Amino acid sequence: MIESSVDENNGRLILAWVNLGSLVEGTMKLFLSVWYEDYKKDIDAIRHKGDLIDPDSLSLDKLREFFKKKIWVKDGDDWDTWILKIQRRRNAIHAYKNRDIGTFEEFYYDVRVYLKFLLRINNQLLYPW
């Protein structure tokens, strides 16, 4: 068996965070897409030069800010802090300097937190029965 170098393992970990960040971002976009009619009427809906930005075009940072202000208001969990951690670790893929990418144990833990996040979002989706 060939041993992986530290750099290879760090690269794998960064890609793991990138994938988890993409899942988080996609889940948030799904939520706003399901609730699009409410989103577009919201005074705090994200706009650029007065034009509404559709959920699919929003960055994770913009999504996080909107959810912090409008969705997580009465939630007992600190989703904003968790998403910010995922976002920062995901952004290590762009880094020209060292960034904290955590460990695989932290990543595995956050995958389990993602399941909780996904279930929380799923509980607020409408299903056509």
N, C-alpha and C. Protein backbone atom coordinates (compact mmCIF):
# COMPACT_ATOMS: atom_id res chain seq x y z
N MET A 1 0.84 -1.17 0.00
CA MET A 1 0.00 0.00 0.00
C MET A 1 0.89 1.24 0.00
N ILE A 2 0.55 2.20 -0.81
CA ILE A 2 1.32 3.44 -0.91
C ILE A 2 0.79 4.43 0.12
N GLU A 3 1.69 5.00 0.89
CA GLU A 3 1.32 6.00 1.89
C GLU A 3 1.04 7.34 1.20
N SER A 4 0.05 8.05 1.67
CA SER A 4 -0.24 9.38 1.16
C SER A 4 0.62 10.41 1.88
N SER A 5 1.04 11.40 1.15
CA SER A 5 1.81 12.47 1.77
C SER A 5 0.87 13.42 2.51
N VAL A 6 1.44 14.24 3.36
CA VAL A 6 0.64 15.23 4.09
C VAL A 6 -0.07 16.15 3.11
N ASP A 7 0.63 16.57 2.06
CA ASP A 7 0.02 17.46 1.06
C ASP A 7 -1.16 16.78 0.35
N GLU A 8 -1.01 15.50 0.03
CA GLU A 8 -2.11 14.77 -0.60
C GLU A 8 -3.31 14.69 0.33
N ASN A 9 -3.07 14.38 1.59
CA ASN A 9 -4.16 14.31 2.56
C ASN A 9 -4.82 15.67 2.75
N ASN A 10 -4.03 16.73 2.81
CA ASN A 10 -4.60 18.07 2.93
C ASN A 10 -5.43 18.41 1.70
N GLY A 11 -4.95 18.01 0.52
CA GLY A 11 -5.72 18.24 -0.70
C GLY A 11 -7.06 17.50 -0.67
N ARG A 12 -7.03 16.27 -0.20
CA ARG A 12 -8.28 15.50 -0.08
C ARG A 12 -9.24 16.15 0.90
N LEU A 13 -8.68 16.64 2.01
CA LEU A 13 -9.52 17.29 3.02
C LEU A 13 -10.14 18.58 2.48
N ILE A 14 -9.36 19.37 1.76
CA ILE A 14 -9.91 20.60 1.16
C ILE A 14 -11.03 20.24 0.19
N LEU A 15 -10.81 19.23 -0.64
CA LEU A 15 -11.87 18.82 -1.58
C LEU A 15 -13.10 18.30 -0.85
N ALA A 16 -12.90 17.65 0.29
CA ALA A 16 -14.05 17.20 1.09
C ALA A 16 -14.86 18.40 1.56
N TRP A 17 -14.17 19.45 2.06
CA TRP A 17 -14.87 20.66 2.50
C TRP A 17 -15.58 21.34 1.32
N VAL A 18 -14.94 21.33 0.16
CA VAL A 18 -15.56 21.92 -1.04
C VAL A 18 -16.87 21.21 -1.35
N ASN A 19 -16.85 19.89 -1.29
CA ASN A 19 -18.07 19.14 -1.56
C ASN A 19 -19.14 19.38 -0.51
N LEU A 20 -18.77 19.40 0.75
CA LEU A 20 -19.74 19.68 1.80
C LEU A 20 -20.31 21.09 1.65
N GLY A 21 -19.45 22.05 1.33
CA GLY A 21 -19.93 23.41 1.11
C GLY A 21 -20.91 23.50 -0.05
N SER A 22 -20.65 22.74 -1.10
CA SER A 22 -21.57 22.71 -2.24
C SER A 22 -22.91 22.12 -1.85
N LEU A 23 -22.89 21.09 -1.02
CA LEU A 23 -24.15 20.50 -0.54
C LEU A 23 -24.93 21.50 0.30
N VAL A 24 -24.25 22.20 1.19
CA VAL A 24 -24.91 23.20 2.04
C VAL A 24 -25.51 24.31 1.16
N GLU A 25 -24.72 24.82 0.24
CA GLU A 25 -25.18 25.89 -0.64
C GLU A 25 -26.39 25.43 -1.47
N GLY A 26 -26.31 24.23 -2.03
CA GLY A 26 -27.41 23.71 -2.83
C GLY A 26 -28.68 23.51 -2.01
N THR A 27 -28.53 23.08 -0.78
CA THR A 27 -29.69 22.88 0.10
C THR A 27 -30.36 24.21 0.39
N MET A 28 -29.57 25.24 0.63
CA MET A 28 -30.14 26.56 0.90
C MET A 28 -30.83 27.13 -0.35
N LYS A 29 -30.25 26.88 -1.51
CA LYS A 29 -30.87 27.34 -2.76
C LYS A 29 -32.18 26.59 -3.01
N LEU A 30 -32.20 25.31 -2.70
CA LEU A 30 -33.44 24.53 -2.82
C LEU A 30 -34.53 25.14 -1.96
N PHE A 31 -34.20 25.45 -0.71
CA PHE A 31 -35.17 26.04 0.20
C PHE A 31 -35.76 27.33 -0.39
N LEU A 32 -34.89 28.23 -0.86
CA LEU A 32 -35.39 29.49 -1.41
C LEU A 32 -36.14 29.28 -2.72
N SER A 33 -35.80 28.26 -3.47
CA SER A 33 -36.53 27.97 -4.69
C SER A 33 -37.94 27.48 -4.39
N VAL A 34 -38.07 26.65 -3.37
CA VAL A 34 -39.40 26.16 -2.98
C VAL A 34 -40.24 27.32 -2.46
N TRP A 35 -39.62 28.22 -1.73
CA TRP A 35 -40.31 29.38 -1.15
C TRP A 35 -40.08 30.65 -1.98
N TYR A 36 -39.89 30.47 -3.29
CA TYR A 36 -39.52 31.58 -4.17
C TYR A 36 -40.52 32.74 -4.14
N GLU A 37 -41.79 32.43 -4.17
CA GLU A 37 -42.80 33.51 -4.18
C GLU A 37 -42.68 34.37 -2.92
N ASP A 38 -42.44 33.75 -1.78
CA ASP A 38 -42.25 34.50 -0.55
C ASP A 38 -40.92 35.25 -0.58
N TYR A 39 -39.88 34.60 -1.08
CA TYR A 39 -38.56 35.22 -1.16
C TYR A 39 -38.61 36.49 -2.00
N LYS A 40 -39.22 36.42 -3.17
CA LYS A 40 -39.19 37.58 -4.06
C LYS A 40 -40.01 38.75 -3.53
N LYS A 41 -40.97 38.49 -2.64
CA LYS A 41 -41.75 39.58 -2.03
C LYS A 41 -41.08 40.15 -0.78
N ASP A 42 -40.10 39.45 -0.27
CA ASP A 42 -39.46 39.86 0.98
C ASP A 42 -38.64 41.13 0.79
N ILE A 43 -38.81 42.06 1.70
CA ILE A 43 -38.08 43.33 1.64
C ILE A 43 -36.57 43.11 1.70
N ASP A 44 -36.16 42.01 2.34
CA ASP A 44 -34.74 41.71 2.48
C ASP A 44 -34.21 40.74 1.42
N ALA A 45 -35.04 40.43 0.43
CA ALA A 45 -34.57 39.58 -0.66
C ALA A 45 -33.34 40.24 -1.28
N ILE A 46 -32.42 39.44 -1.71
CA ILE A 46 -31.14 39.96 -2.18
C ILE A 46 -31.30 40.53 -3.59
N ARG A 47 -30.85 41.76 -3.71
CA ARG A 47 -30.99 42.48 -4.97
C ARG A 47 -29.65 43.08 -5.38
N HIS A 48 -29.55 43.33 -6.67
CA HIS A 48 -28.39 44.05 -7.21
C HIS A 48 -28.92 45.14 -8.12
N LYS A 49 -28.64 46.37 -7.74
CA LYS A 49 -29.14 47.54 -8.49
C LYS A 49 -30.65 47.47 -8.65
N GLY A 50 -31.33 47.03 -7.59
CA GLY A 50 -32.78 46.97 -7.58
C GLY A 50 -33.39 45.71 -8.16
N ASP A 51 -32.61 44.92 -8.86
CA ASP A 51 -33.12 43.70 -9.48
C ASP A 51 -32.92 42.51 -8.54
N LEU A 52 -33.98 41.73 -8.41
CA LEU A 52 -33.93 40.54 -7.57
C LEU A 52 -32.90 39.55 -8.10
N ILE A 53 -32.12 38.99 -7.19
CA ILE A 53 -31.17 37.94 -7.57
C ILE A 53 -31.83 36.60 -7.22
N ASP A 54 -31.99 35.77 -8.24
CA ASP A 54 -32.61 34.46 -8.04
C ASP A 54 -31.72 33.59 -7.15
N PRO A 55 -32.33 32.68 -6.41
CA PRO A 55 -31.56 31.81 -5.51
C PRO A 55 -30.39 31.10 -6.18
N ASP A 56 -30.57 30.65 -7.40
CA ASP A 56 -29.52 29.90 -8.07
C ASP A 56 -28.27 30.74 -8.34
N SER A 57 -28.40 32.05 -8.34
CA SER A 57 -27.27 32.93 -8.62
C SER A 57 -26.61 33.47 -7.35
N LEU A 58 -27.13 33.12 -6.19
CA LEU A 58 -26.60 33.65 -4.94
C LEU A 58 -25.36 32.89 -4.49
N SER A 59 -24.42 33.63 -3.94
CA SER A 59 -23.23 33.01 -3.35
C SER A 59 -23.59 32.47 -1.97
N LEU A 60 -22.74 31.60 -1.47
CA LEU A 60 -22.98 31.04 -0.14
C LEU A 60 -23.01 32.14 0.91
N ASP A 61 -22.16 33.14 0.77
CA ASP A 61 -22.13 34.22 1.74
C ASP A 61 -23.45 35.00 1.76
N LYS A 62 -23.98 35.31 0.58
CA LYS A 62 -25.27 36.02 0.50
C LYS A 62 -26.40 35.16 1.05
N LEU A 63 -26.37 33.89 0.74
CA LEU A 63 -27.38 32.97 1.28
C LEU A 63 -27.31 32.95 2.81
N ARG A 64 -26.09 32.82 3.32
CA ARG A 64 -25.89 32.76 4.77
C ARG A 64 -26.41 34.02 5.45
N GLU A 65 -26.13 35.18 4.88
CA GLU A 65 -26.60 36.44 5.45
C GLU A 65 -28.13 36.52 5.45
N PHE A 66 -28.75 36.12 4.34
CA PHE A 66 -30.21 36.16 4.25
C PHE A 66 -30.84 35.18 5.25
N PHE A 67 -30.32 33.97 5.30
CA PHE A 67 -30.87 32.98 6.23
C PHE A 67 -30.69 33.41 7.68
N LYS A 68 -29.57 34.02 7.99
CA LYS A 68 -29.34 34.52 9.35
C LYS A 68 -30.39 35.55 9.73
N LYS A 69 -30.70 36.40 8.79
CA LYS A 69 -31.65 37.48 9.06
C LYS A 69 -33.11 37.03 9.04
N LYS A 70 -33.45 36.09 8.15
CA LYS A 70 -34.86 35.77 7.92
C LYS A 70 -35.29 34.35 8.30
N ILE A 71 -34.42 33.39 8.21
CA ILE A 71 -34.83 32.00 8.38
C ILE A 71 -34.45 31.45 9.75
N TRP A 72 -33.25 31.73 10.20
CA TRP A 72 -32.78 31.17 11.46
C TRP A 72 -33.21 31.97 12.68
N VAL A 73 -34.03 32.97 12.51
CA VAL A 73 -34.38 33.92 13.58
C VAL A 73 -34.78 33.23 14.88
N LYS A 74 -35.65 32.25 14.82
CA LYS A 74 -36.15 31.61 16.04
C LYS A 74 -35.61 30.19 16.21
N ASP A 75 -34.55 29.89 15.51
CA ASP A 75 -33.97 28.56 15.56
C ASP A 75 -33.01 28.47 16.74
N GLY A 76 -33.06 27.39 17.49
CA GLY A 76 -32.18 27.24 18.64
C GLY A 76 -30.75 26.87 18.27
N ASP A 77 -30.54 26.41 17.04
CA ASP A 77 -29.20 26.02 16.60
C ASP A 77 -28.49 27.22 15.97
N ASP A 78 -27.17 27.23 16.06
CA ASP A 78 -26.38 28.31 15.48
C ASP A 78 -25.90 27.91 14.10
N TRP A 79 -26.81 27.89 13.16
CA TRP A 79 -26.47 27.48 11.80
C TRP A 79 -25.52 28.45 11.14
N ASP A 80 -25.64 29.73 11.44
CA ASP A 80 -24.78 30.72 10.80
C ASP A 80 -23.31 30.44 11.09
N THR A 81 -22.97 30.16 12.33
CA THR A 81 -21.58 29.89 12.70
C THR A 81 -21.09 28.62 12.01
N TRP A 82 -21.92 27.60 11.96
CA TRP A 82 -21.55 26.35 11.31
C TRP A 82 -21.32 26.56 9.82
N ILE A 83 -22.23 27.27 9.16
CA ILE A 83 -22.09 27.51 7.72
C ILE A 83 -20.85 28.35 7.45
N LEU A 84 -20.58 29.33 8.29
CA LEU A 84 -19.39 30.16 8.12
C LEU A 84 -18.12 29.31 8.21
N LYS A 85 -18.09 28.36 9.13
CA LYS A 85 -16.94 27.45 9.24
C LYS A 85 -16.77 26.63 7.97
N ILE A 86 -17.87 26.07 7.47
CA ILE A 86 -17.82 25.28 6.24
C ILE A 86 -17.34 26.16 5.09
N GLN A 87 -17.87 27.38 5.01
CA GLN A 87 -17.50 28.31 3.94
C GLN A 87 -16.01 28.64 3.98
N ARG A 88 -15.49 28.93 5.14
CA ARG A 88 -14.07 29.27 5.27
C ARG A 88 -13.18 28.09 4.90
N ARG A 89 -13.56 26.91 5.33
CA ARG A 89 -12.74 25.74 5.00
C ARG A 89 -12.87 25.39 3.52
N ARG A 90 -14.04 25.59 2.96
CA ARG A 90 -14.23 25.36 1.52
C ARG A 90 -13.38 26.33 0.72
N ASN A 91 -13.30 27.56 1.18
CA ASN A 91 -12.54 28.58 0.46
C ASN A 91 -11.04 28.37 0.51
N ALA A 92 -10.58 27.40 1.30
CA ALA A 92 -9.15 27.09 1.33
C ALA A 92 -8.66 26.65 -0.05
N ILE A 93 -9.57 26.23 -0.91
CA ILE A 93 -9.19 25.82 -2.25
C ILE A 93 -8.62 27.00 -3.04
N HIS A 94 -8.96 28.24 -2.64
CA HIS A 94 -8.48 29.44 -3.33
C HIS A 94 -7.28 30.07 -2.64
N ALA A 95 -6.84 29.49 -1.56
CA ALA A 95 -5.85 30.14 -0.69
C ALA A 95 -4.45 30.17 -1.29
N TYR A 96 -3.81 31.31 -1.07
CA TYR A 96 -2.39 31.45 -1.37
C TYR A 96 -1.60 31.50 -0.07
N LYS A 97 -2.32 31.39 1.03
CA LYS A 97 -1.69 31.36 2.34
C LYS A 97 -2.32 30.20 3.12
N ASN A 98 -1.67 29.83 4.19
CA ASN A 98 -2.20 28.73 4.99
C ASN A 98 -3.51 29.13 5.65
N ARG A 99 -4.46 28.22 5.60
CA ARG A 99 -5.75 28.40 6.26
C ARG A 99 -6.04 27.17 7.08
N ASP A 100 -6.84 27.36 8.11
CA ASP A 100 -7.27 26.23 8.93
C ASP A 100 -8.25 25.39 8.13
N ILE A 101 -7.87 24.14 7.87
CA ILE A 101 -8.77 23.23 7.15
C ILE A 101 -9.30 22.13 8.06
N GLY A 102 -8.94 22.20 9.34
CA GLY A 102 -9.44 21.21 10.28
C GLY A 102 -8.84 19.84 10.03
N THR A 103 -9.56 18.83 10.48
CA THR A 103 -9.11 17.45 10.36
C THR A 103 -10.22 16.62 9.71
N PHE A 104 -9.85 15.42 9.30
CA PHE A 104 -10.88 14.52 8.76
C PHE A 104 -11.93 14.18 9.82
N GLU A 105 -11.53 14.09 11.07
CA GLU A 105 -12.49 13.82 12.15
C GLU A 105 -13.51 14.96 12.24
N GLU A 106 -13.04 16.20 12.12
CA GLU A 106 -13.97 17.34 12.14
C GLU A 106 -14.88 17.32 10.92
N PHE A 107 -14.31 16.96 9.78
CA PHE A 107 -15.12 16.86 8.57
C PHE A 107 -16.21 15.81 8.73
N TYR A 108 -15.85 14.63 9.23
CA TYR A 108 -16.84 13.57 9.42
C TYR A 108 -17.93 14.01 10.39
N TYR A 109 -17.53 14.71 11.42
CA TYR A 109 -18.52 15.25 12.37
C TYR A 109 -19.46 16.21 11.65
N ASP A 110 -18.89 17.10 10.82
CA ASP A 110 -19.72 18.08 10.13
C ASP A 110 -20.61 17.46 9.06
N VAL A 111 -20.24 16.32 8.55
CA VAL A 111 -21.15 15.59 7.65
C VAL A 111 -22.39 15.16 8.42
N ARG A 112 -22.18 14.74 9.67
CA ARG A 112 -23.34 14.38 10.51
C ARG A 112 -24.18 15.62 10.85
N VAL A 113 -23.52 16.75 11.07
CA VAL A 113 -24.26 18.00 11.31
C VAL A 113 -25.04 18.38 10.05
N TYR A 114 -24.45 18.13 8.88
CA TYR A 114 -25.16 18.40 7.64
C TYR A 114 -26.46 17.61 7.55
N LEU A 115 -26.45 16.37 8.01
CA LEU A 115 -27.68 15.58 8.02
C LEU A 115 -28.74 16.28 8.87
N LYS A 116 -28.35 16.77 10.01
CA LYS A 116 -29.29 17.51 10.87
C LYS A 116 -29.79 18.76 10.15
N PHE A 117 -28.88 19.46 9.48
CA PHE A 117 -29.22 20.65 8.70
C PHE A 117 -30.21 20.30 7.58
N LEU A 118 -29.91 19.23 6.87
CA LEU A 118 -30.77 18.79 5.77
C LEU A 118 -32.17 18.44 6.27
N LEU A 119 -32.25 17.74 7.40
CA LEU A 119 -33.54 17.40 7.97
C LEU A 119 -34.30 18.65 8.41
N ARG A 120 -33.57 19.63 8.94
CA ARG A 120 -34.19 20.89 9.37
C ARG A 120 -34.79 21.60 8.15
N ILE A 121 -34.05 21.66 7.06
CA ILE A 121 -34.55 22.29 5.83
C ILE A 121 -35.71 21.47 5.27
N ASN A 122 -35.56 20.17 5.22
CA ASN A 122 -36.59 19.29 4.67
C ASN A 122 -37.93 19.47 5.40
N ASN A 123 -37.87 19.70 6.69
CA ASN A 123 -39.10 19.88 7.46
C ASN A 123 -39.87 21.13 7.07
N GLN A 124 -39.23 22.03 6.34
CA GLN A 124 -39.90 23.26 5.92
C GLN A 124 -40.21 23.29 4.43
N LEU A 125 -39.98 22.21 3.75
CA LEU A 125 -40.29 22.16 2.31
C LEU A 125 -41.73 21.71 2.11
N LEU A 126 -42.30 22.18 1.05
CA LEU A 126 -43.66 21.79 0.68
C LEU A 126 -43.58 20.63 -0.29
N TYR A 127 -44.41 19.65 -0.09
CA TYR A 127 -44.45 18.51 -0.99
C TYR A 127 -45.85 18.41 -1.60
N PRO A 128 -45.91 18.24 -2.92
CA PRO A 128 -47.21 18.12 -3.59
C PRO A 128 -47.80 16.73 -3.41
N TRP A 129 -48.67 16.57 -2.48
CA TRP A 129 -49.27 15.26 -2.22
C TRP A 129 -50.52 15.07 -2.99
